[in-house]
Amino acid sequence: MDFEDRWFPVARSEEVVARHVVQTQLMGQEAALWRDDAGLANAWENRCPHRGVRLSIGINTGSELQCRYHGWRYASASGQCTFIPAHPDQKPPNVIKAKPYACAERSGFVWINLGENADAGALPALGLNAFTTMRSVFIEASATVVVNRLAGEGFNGDGLILEAPSDLGKTMLFLQPMNGGQTLVHGLVAADIAGADREAALRTHNDWLKNIRDALEREAA
């Protein structure tokens, strides 16, 4: 399957909380996800331009991400370096930037695109009036293997977004190929499920996905 220049969900929006940094991986590329105090979600290459330290262990100040190693700070949205502690009175050169990936939020997920010319208009139009996001499940298998197994479970779609009816209502699964042998499966139900019903739905969905995961990993072993 062609995974290039596509949008992928990499976390539920509720997991990318203020003053926190989330580490994830897409097609072998690590990314640091963080939300500023204005609510904007950022997705950056997970390395400080200075010494290459992971930004996911940095400090989310609410408007900038600060590297833990030497304290260099990078502005939300642009990734522009704003402060170098060793030279506090100097404006950092414009060329010093964290590398941002195209990032957007839709249907309860943060989506990113690793392409150089990502088009937000190419984000999947899911056509949902209501939805409930489910717990994501990690599987030690390639996205291709997972797609083939889900097709056997009655899911169909374009390869990375799959849909099938279930007892919970229309269920959609989104695949995040972390690397050649690991996949994260995100899911949602096209309905607004609240309270005790939501807990029961989460449990049912999670158990069902874990059964698929266990079967795939047994086969791989």
C-alpha atoms as a PDB file:
ATOM      1  CA  MET A   1       0.000   0.000   0.000  1.00  0.00           C
ATOM      2  CA  ASP A   2       1.116   3.547  -0.710  1.00  0.00           C
ATOM      3  CA  PHE A   3       1.475   5.331   2.634  1.00  0.00           C
ATOM      4  CA  GLU A   4       3.197   8.437   1.285  1.00  0.00           C
ATOM      5  CA  ASP A   5       1.649  11.894   1.505  1.00  0.00           C
ATOM      6  CA  ARG A   6      -1.359  10.752   3.535  1.00  0.00           C
ATOM      7  CA  TRP A   7      -3.010  12.022   6.686  1.00  0.00           C
ATOM      8  CA  PHE A   8      -2.930   9.682   9.674  1.00  0.00           C
ATOM      9  CA  PRO A   9      -4.507   9.987  13.131  1.00  0.00           C
ATOM     10  CA  VAL A  10      -1.722   9.678  15.714  1.00  0.00           C
ATOM     11  CA  ALA A  11      -3.547  10.384  18.998  1.00  0.00           C
ATOM     12  CA  ARG A  12      -6.978  11.141  20.369  1.00  0.00           C
ATOM     13  CA  SER A  13      -7.451  14.880  20.880  1.00  0.00           C
ATOM     14  CA  GLU A  14      -8.216  14.315  24.565  1.00  0.00           C
ATOM     15  CA  GLU A  15      -4.774  12.738  25.017  1.00  0.00           C
ATOM     16  CA  VAL A  16      -2.905  15.827  23.788  1.00  0.00           C
ATOM     17  CA  VAL A  17      -3.493  17.921  26.882  1.00  0.00           C
ATOM     18  CA  ALA A  18      -2.174  21.342  27.875  1.00  0.00           C
ATOM     19  CA  ARG A  19       1.357  21.606  29.334  1.00  0.00           C
ATOM     20  CA  HIS A  20       2.229  18.068  28.240  1.00  0.00           C
ATOM     21  CA  VAL A  21       4.169  16.470  25.365  1.00  0.00           C
ATOM     22  CA  VAL A  22       3.192  13.182  23.688  1.00  0.00           C
ATOM     23  CA  GLN A  23       5.655  11.000  21.780  1.00  0.00           C
ATOM     24  CA  THR A  24       4.446   9.006  18.795  1.00  0.00           C
ATOM     25  CA  GLN A  25       5.830   7.446  15.623  1.00  0.00           C
ATOM     26  CA  LEU A  26       4.637   7.345  12.015  1.00  0.00           C
ATOM     27  CA  MET A  27       6.339   5.358   9.263  1.00  0.00           C
ATOM     28  CA  GLY A  28       9.587   5.258  11.228  1.00  0.00           C
ATOM     29  CA  GLN A  29       9.583   8.983  12.035  1.00  0.00           C
ATOM     30  CA  GLU A  30       9.244  10.008  15.685  1.00  0.00           C
ATOM     31  CA  ALA A  31       7.029  13.000  16.411  1.00  0.00           C
ATOM     32  CA  ALA A  32       6.457  15.173  19.472  1.00  0.00           C
ATOM     33  CA  LEU A  33       2.823  16.251  19.896  1.00  0.00           C
ATOM     34  CA  TRP A  34       1.887  19.154  22.137  1.00  0.00           C
ATOM     35  CA  ARG A  35      -0.912  21.664  22.595  1.00  0.00           C
ATOM     36  CA  ASP A  36      -0.355  25.322  23.391  1.00  0.00           C
ATOM     37  CA  ASP A  37      -2.507  27.280  25.826  1.00  0.00           C
ATOM     38  CA  ALA A  38      -4.571  28.708  22.945  1.00  0.00           C
ATOM     39  CA  GLY A  39      -5.588  25.138  22.052  1.00  0.00           C
ATOM     40  CA  LEU A  40      -3.450  24.688  18.934  1.00  0.00           C
ATOM     41  CA  ALA A  41      -2.045  21.175  18.467  1.00  0.00           C
ATOM     42  CA  ASN A  42       1.545  20.936  17.176  1.00  0.00           C
ATOM     43  CA  ALA A  43       3.339  17.936  15.673  1.00  0.00           C
ATOM     44  CA  TRP A  44       7.109  18.295  15.301  1.00  0.00           C
ATOM     45  CA  GLU A  45      10.003  16.073  14.348  1.00  0.00           C
ATOM     46  CA  ASN A  46      11.147  14.648  17.667  1.00  0.00           C
ATOM     47  CA  ARG A  47      14.593  16.198  17.778  1.00  0.00           C
ATOM     48  CA  CYS A  48      15.988  19.510  18.911  1.00  0.00           C
ATOM     49  CA  PRO A  49      17.846  21.250  16.035  1.00  0.00           C
ATOM     50  CA  HIS A  50      20.707  22.005  18.446  1.00  0.00           C
ATOM     51  CA  ARG A  51      21.922  18.606  19.644  1.00  0.00           C
ATOM     52  CA  GLY A  52      19.221  16.221  18.466  1.00  0.00           C
ATOM     53  CA  VAL A  53      17.737  15.514  21.907  1.00  0.00           C
ATOM     54  CA  ARG A  54      14.131  14.287  21.838  1.00  0.00           C
ATOM     55  CA  LEU A  55      11.703  17.190  22.186  1.00  0.00           C
ATOM     56  CA  SER A  56       9.141  14.791  23.654  1.00  0.00           C
ATOM     57  CA  ILE A  57      11.066  14.968  26.952  1.00  0.00           C
ATOM     58  CA  GLY A  58      11.006  18.757  26.804  1.00  0.00           C
ATOM     59  CA  ILE A  59       8.874  21.294  28.672  1.00  0.00           C
ATOM     60  CA  ASN A  60       5.593  22.602  27.266  1.00  0.00           C
ATOM     61  CA  THR A  61       5.441  26.193  28.553  1.00  0.00           C
ATOM     62  CA  GLY A  62       2.054  26.885  26.984  1.00  0.00           C
ATOM     63  CA  SER A  63       3.419  28.968  24.114  1.00  0.00           C
ATOM     64  CA  GLU A  64       6.770  27.276  23.428  1.00  0.00           C
ATOM     65  CA  LEU A  65       8.466  23.907  23.692  1.00  0.00           C
ATOM     66  CA  GLN A  66      11.722  24.030  25.655  1.00  0.00           C
ATOM     67  CA  CYS A  67      14.444  21.434  25.131  1.00  0.00           C
ATOM     68  CA  ARG A  68      15.550  19.699  28.341  1.00  0.00           C
ATOM     69  CA  TYR A  69      19.214  19.620  27.368  1.00  0.00           C
ATOM     70  CA  HIS A  70      20.327  23.229  26.866  1.00  0.00           C
ATOM     71  CA  GLY A  71      16.993  25.005  27.296  1.00  0.00           C
ATOM     72  CA  TRP A  72      16.536  26.234  23.733  1.00  0.00           C
ATOM     73  CA  ARG A  73      12.915  27.322  23.172  1.00  0.00           C
ATOM     74  CA  TYR A  74      10.751  26.978  20.039  1.00  0.00           C
ATOM     75  CA  ALA A  75       7.501  28.815  19.297  1.00  0.00           C
ATOM     76  CA  SER A  76       4.159  27.130  18.786  1.00  0.00           C
ATOM     77  CA  ALA A  77       3.006  26.776  15.148  1.00  0.00           C
ATOM     78  CA  SER A  78       6.207  27.997  13.440  1.00  0.00           C
ATOM     79  CA  GLY A  79       8.814  26.034  15.414  1.00  0.00           C
ATOM     80  CA  GLN A  80      11.019  29.133  15.315  1.00  0.00           C
ATOM     81  CA  CYS A  81      13.732  29.228  17.966  1.00  0.00           C
ATOM     82  CA  THR A  82      12.985  32.146  20.299  1.00  0.00           C
ATOM     83  CA  PHE A  83      15.630  31.874  23.029  1.00  0.00           C
ATOM     84  CA  ILE A  84      19.127  30.428  23.508  1.00  0.00           C
ATOM     85  CA  PRO A  85      20.189  30.537  27.192  1.00  0.00           C
ATOM     86  CA  ALA A  86      23.883  30.790  26.333  1.00  0.00           C
ATOM     87  CA  HIS A  87      23.138  33.987  24.353  1.00  0.00           C
ATOM     88  CA  PRO A  88      20.167  35.538  26.168  1.00  0.00           C
ATOM     89  CA  ASP A  89      20.568  38.984  24.584  1.00  0.00           C
ATOM     90  CA  GLN A  90      20.754  37.733  20.997  1.00  0.00           C
ATOM     91  CA  LYS A  91      17.826  37.025  18.706  1.00  0.00           C
ATOM     92  CA  PRO A  92      18.201  33.462  17.365  1.00  0.00           C
ATOM     93  CA  PRO A  93      18.723  33.251  13.595  1.00  0.00           C
ATOM     94  CA  ASN A  94      15.552  32.584  11.596  1.00  0.00           C
ATOM     95  CA  VAL A  95      17.055  29.395  10.183  1.00  0.00           C
ATOM     96  CA  ILE A  96      17.011  27.692  13.615  1.00  0.00           C
ATOM     97  CA  LYS A  97      13.641  25.950  13.761  1.00  0.00           C
ATOM     98  CA  ALA A  98      12.095  22.758  15.012  1.00  0.00           C
ATOM     99  CA  LYS A  99      10.690  20.866  12.034  1.00  0.00           C
ATOM    100  CA  PRO A 100       6.879  20.992  12.092  1.00  0.00           C
ATOM    101  CA  TYR A 101       4.721  18.371  10.404  1.00  0.00           C
ATOM    102  CA  ALA A 102       1.353  19.294   8.937  1.00  0.00           C
ATOM    103  CA  CYS A 103      -1.119  18.859  11.800  1.00  0.00           C
ATOM    104  CA  ALA A 104      -4.903  19.143  12.096  1.00  0.00           C
ATOM    105  CA  GLU A 105      -7.739  17.927  14.298  1.00  0.00           C
ATOM    106  CA  ARG A 106     -10.882  16.191  13.102  1.00  0.00           C
ATOM    107  CA  SER A 107     -13.437  13.806  14.586  1.00  0.00           C
ATOM    108  CA  GLY A 108     -11.695  13.604  17.953  1.00  0.00           C
ATOM    109  CA  PHE A 109      -8.203  12.826  16.642  1.00  0.00           C
ATOM    110  CA  VAL A 110      -4.961  14.695  15.944  1.00  0.00           C
ATOM    111  CA  TRP A 111      -3.892  13.918  12.357  1.00  0.00           C
ATOM    112  CA  ILE A 112      -0.468  14.505  10.814  1.00  0.00           C
ATOM    113  CA  ASN A 113       1.015  14.306   7.351  1.00  0.00           C
ATOM    114  CA  LEU A 114       4.739  13.814   6.748  1.00  0.00           C
ATOM    115  CA  GLY A 115       4.605  15.086   3.161  1.00  0.00           C
ATOM    116  CA  GLU A 116       6.431  18.241   2.160  1.00  0.00           C
ATOM    117  CA  ASN A 117       3.338  19.838   0.592  1.00  0.00           C
ATOM    118  CA  ALA A 118       0.543  18.477   2.740  1.00  0.00           C
ATOM    119  CA  ASP A 119      -2.933  19.733   1.849  1.00  0.00           C
ATOM    120  CA  ALA A 120      -5.376  20.053   4.750  1.00  0.00           C
ATOM    121  CA  GLY A 121      -8.152  19.744   2.171  1.00  0.00           C
ATOM    122  CA  ALA A 122      -7.054  16.124   1.685  1.00  0.00           C
ATOM    123  CA  LEU A 123      -8.002  15.201   5.259  1.00  0.00           C
ATOM    124  CA  PRO A 124     -10.533  12.347   5.144  1.00  0.00           C
ATOM    125  CA  ALA A 125     -14.096  13.678   5.077  1.00  0.00           C
ATOM    126  CA  LEU A 126     -15.750  11.248   7.476  1.00  0.00           C
ATOM    127  CA  GLY A 127     -19.182  12.863   7.308  1.00  0.00           C
ATOM    128  CA  LEU A 128     -19.943  12.334  10.995  1.00  0.00           C
ATOM    129  CA  ASN A 129     -22.502  14.351  12.935  1.00  0.00           C
ATOM    130  CA  ALA A 130     -21.662  12.552  16.177  1.00  0.00           C
ATOM    131  CA  PHE A 131     -18.888  10.218  17.304  1.00  0.00           C
ATOM    132  CA  THR A 132     -17.233   8.592  20.295  1.00  0.00           C
ATOM    133  CA  THR A 133     -13.507   7.820  20.126  1.00  0.00           C
ATOM    134  CA  MET A 134     -12.340   4.470  21.451  1.00  0.00           C
ATOM    135  CA  ARG A 135      -9.117   3.328  23.065  1.00  0.00           C
ATOM    136  CA  SER A 136      -6.265   2.752  20.634  1.00  0.00           C
ATOM    137  CA  VAL A 137      -4.611  -0.671  20.437  1.00  0.00           C
ATOM    138  CA  PHE A 138      -0.956  -1.378  19.599  1.00  0.00           C
ATOM    139  CA  ILE A 139      -0.293  -4.434  17.388  1.00  0.00           C
ATOM    140  CA  GLU A 140       3.081  -6.040  16.659  1.00  0.00           C
ATOM    141  CA  ALA A 141       2.333  -6.448  12.951  1.00  0.00           C
ATOM    142  CA  SER A 142       2.602  -4.373   9.802  1.00  0.00           C
ATOM    143  CA  ALA A 143      -0.322  -2.246   8.628  1.00  0.00           C
ATOM    144  CA  THR A 144      -0.703  -4.521   5.598  1.00  0.00           C
ATOM    145  CA  VAL A 145      -1.098  -7.597   7.804  1.00  0.00           C
ATOM    146  CA  VAL A 146      -3.604  -5.780  10.024  1.00  0.00           C
ATOM    147  CA  VAL A 147      -5.654  -4.607   7.014  1.00  0.00           C
ATOM    148  CA  ASN A 148      -5.823  -8.146   5.630  1.00  0.00           C
ATOM    149  CA  ARG A 149      -7.015  -9.487   8.990  1.00  0.00           C
ATOM    150  CA  LEU A 150      -9.637  -6.775   9.421  1.00  0.00           C
ATOM    151  CA  ALA A 151     -10.925  -7.445   5.911  1.00  0.00           C
ATOM    152  CA  GLY A 152     -11.548 -10.989   7.093  1.00  0.00           C
ATOM    153  CA  GLU A 153     -13.548  -9.549   9.993  1.00  0.00           C
ATOM    154  CA  GLY A 154     -15.877  -7.787   7.577  1.00  0.00           C
ATOM    155  CA  PHE A 155     -14.237  -4.376   7.455  1.00  0.00           C
ATOM    156  CA  ASN A 156     -13.816  -2.604   4.150  1.00  0.00           C
ATOM    157  CA  GLY A 157     -12.352   0.707   3.051  1.00  0.00           C
ATOM    158  CA  ASP A 158      -9.370   2.292   1.342  1.00  0.00           C
ATOM    159  CA  GLY A 159      -6.768   0.265   3.211  1.00  0.00           C
ATOM    160  CA  LEU A 160      -6.019   2.543   6.151  1.00  0.00           C
ATOM    161  CA  ILE A 161      -9.545   3.680   7.036  1.00  0.00           C
ATOM    162  CA  LEU A 162     -11.919   0.774   7.517  1.00  0.00           C
ATOM    163  CA  GLU A 163     -15.601   0.656   8.309  1.00  0.00           C
ATOM    164  CA  ALA A 164     -18.092  -1.978   9.381  1.00  0.00           C
ATOM    165  CA  PRO A 165     -21.384  -2.119  11.284  1.00  0.00           C
ATOM    166  CA  SER A 166     -21.291  -3.439  14.845  1.00  0.00           C
ATOM    167  CA  ASP A 167     -23.533  -3.792  17.866  1.00  0.00           C
ATOM    168  CA  LEU A 168     -22.376  -0.326  18.906  1.00  0.00           C
ATOM    169  CA  GLY A 169     -23.312   1.330  15.613  1.00  0.00           C
ATOM    170  CA  LYS A 170     -21.155   2.127  12.599  1.00  0.00           C
ATOM    171  CA  THR A 171     -17.544   1.519  13.657  1.00  0.00           C
ATOM    172  CA  MET A 172     -14.547   3.067  11.917  1.00  0.00           C
ATOM    173  CA  LEU A 173     -10.930   2.044  12.425  1.00  0.00           C
ATOM    174  CA  PHE A 174      -7.889   4.112  11.439  1.00  0.00           C
ATOM    175  CA  LEU A 175      -4.455   2.567  11.062  1.00  0.00           C
ATOM    176  CA  GLN A 176      -1.259   4.334  12.070  1.00  0.00           C
ATOM    177  CA  PRO A 177       1.743   2.476  10.558  1.00  0.00           C
ATOM    178  CA  MET A 178       4.387   3.193  13.183  1.00  0.00           C
ATOM    179  CA  ASN A 179       7.065   1.315  11.262  1.00  0.00           C
ATOM    180  CA  GLY A 180       7.331  -1.776   9.084  1.00  0.00           C
ATOM    181  CA  GLY A 181       6.297  -4.152  11.845  1.00  0.00           C
ATOM    182  CA  GLN A 182       4.169  -2.164  14.297  1.00  0.00           C
ATOM    183  CA  THR A 183       0.728  -0.612  13.905  1.00  0.00           C
ATOM    184  CA  LEU A 184      -1.501   1.462  16.148  1.00  0.00           C
ATOM    185  CA  VAL A 185      -5.232   1.019  15.542  1.00  0.00           C
ATOM    186  CA  HIS A 186      -7.508   3.921  16.467  1.00  0.00           C
ATOM    187  CA  GLY A 187     -11.273   3.617  16.483  1.00  0.00           C
ATOM    188  CA  LEU A 188     -14.513   5.492  16.788  1.00  0.00           C
ATOM    189  CA  VAL A 189     -18.213   4.767  16.797  1.00  0.00           C
ATOM    190  CA  ALA A 190     -20.424   7.091  14.772  1.00  0.00           C
ATOM    191  CA  ALA A 191     -22.655   7.928  17.714  1.00  0.00           C
ATOM    192  CA  ASP A 192     -22.517  10.068  20.836  1.00  0.00           C
ATOM    193  CA  ILE A 193     -22.220   7.554  23.680  1.00  0.00           C
ATOM    194  CA  ALA A 194     -22.116   8.949  27.206  1.00  0.00           C
ATOM    195  CA  GLY A 195     -22.072   7.907  30.850  1.00  0.00           C
ATOM    196  CA  ALA A 196     -22.245   4.239  31.787  1.00  0.00           C
ATOM    197  CA  ASP A 197     -23.036   3.304  28.177  1.00  0.00           C
ATOM    198  CA  ARG A 198     -19.723   4.795  27.102  1.00  0.00           C
ATOM    199  CA  GLU A 199     -17.777   2.698  29.602  1.00  0.00           C
ATOM    200  CA  ALA A 200     -19.522  -0.446  28.381  1.00  0.00           C
ATOM    201  CA  ALA A 201     -18.885   0.482  24.744  1.00  0.00           C
ATOM    202  CA  LEU A 202     -15.213   1.162  25.448  1.00  0.00           C
ATOM    203  CA  ARG A 203     -14.867  -2.198  27.146  1.00  0.00           C
ATOM    204  CA  THR A 204     -16.585  -4.089  24.320  1.00  0.00           C
ATOM    205  CA  HIS A 205     -14.575  -2.359  21.600  1.00  0.00           C
ATOM    206  CA  ASN A 206     -11.293  -2.795  23.477  1.00  0.00           C
ATOM    207  CA  ASP A 207     -11.874  -6.504  24.134  1.00  0.00           C
ATOM    208  CA  TRP A 208     -12.758  -7.094  20.485  1.00  0.00           C
ATOM    209  CA  LEU A 209      -9.644  -5.316  19.208  1.00  0.00           C
ATOM    210  CA  LYS A 210      -7.410  -7.049  21.743  1.00  0.00           C
ATOM    211  CA  ASN A 211      -8.690 -10.426  20.512  1.00  0.00           C
ATOM    212  CA  ILE A 212      -7.721  -9.476  16.957  1.00  0.00           C
ATOM    213  CA  ARG A 213      -4.333  -8.240  18.202  1.00  0.00           C
ATOM    214  CA  ASP A 214      -3.665 -11.462  20.109  1.00  0.00           C
ATOM    215  CA  ALA A 215      -4.582 -13.613  17.089  1.00  0.00           C
ATOM    216  CA  LEU A 216      -2.313 -11.614  14.782  1.00  0.00           C
ATOM    217  CA  GLU A 217       0.629 -11.723  17.167  1.00  0.00           C
ATOM    218  CA  ARG A 218       0.186 -15.480  17.703  1.00  0.00           C
ATOM    219  CA  GLU A 219       0.266 -15.989  13.944  1.00  0.00           C
ATOM    220  CA  ALA A 220       3.384 -13.843  13.646  1.00  0.00           C
ATOM    221  CA  ALA A 221       5.103 -15.816  16.408  1.00  0.00           C
END
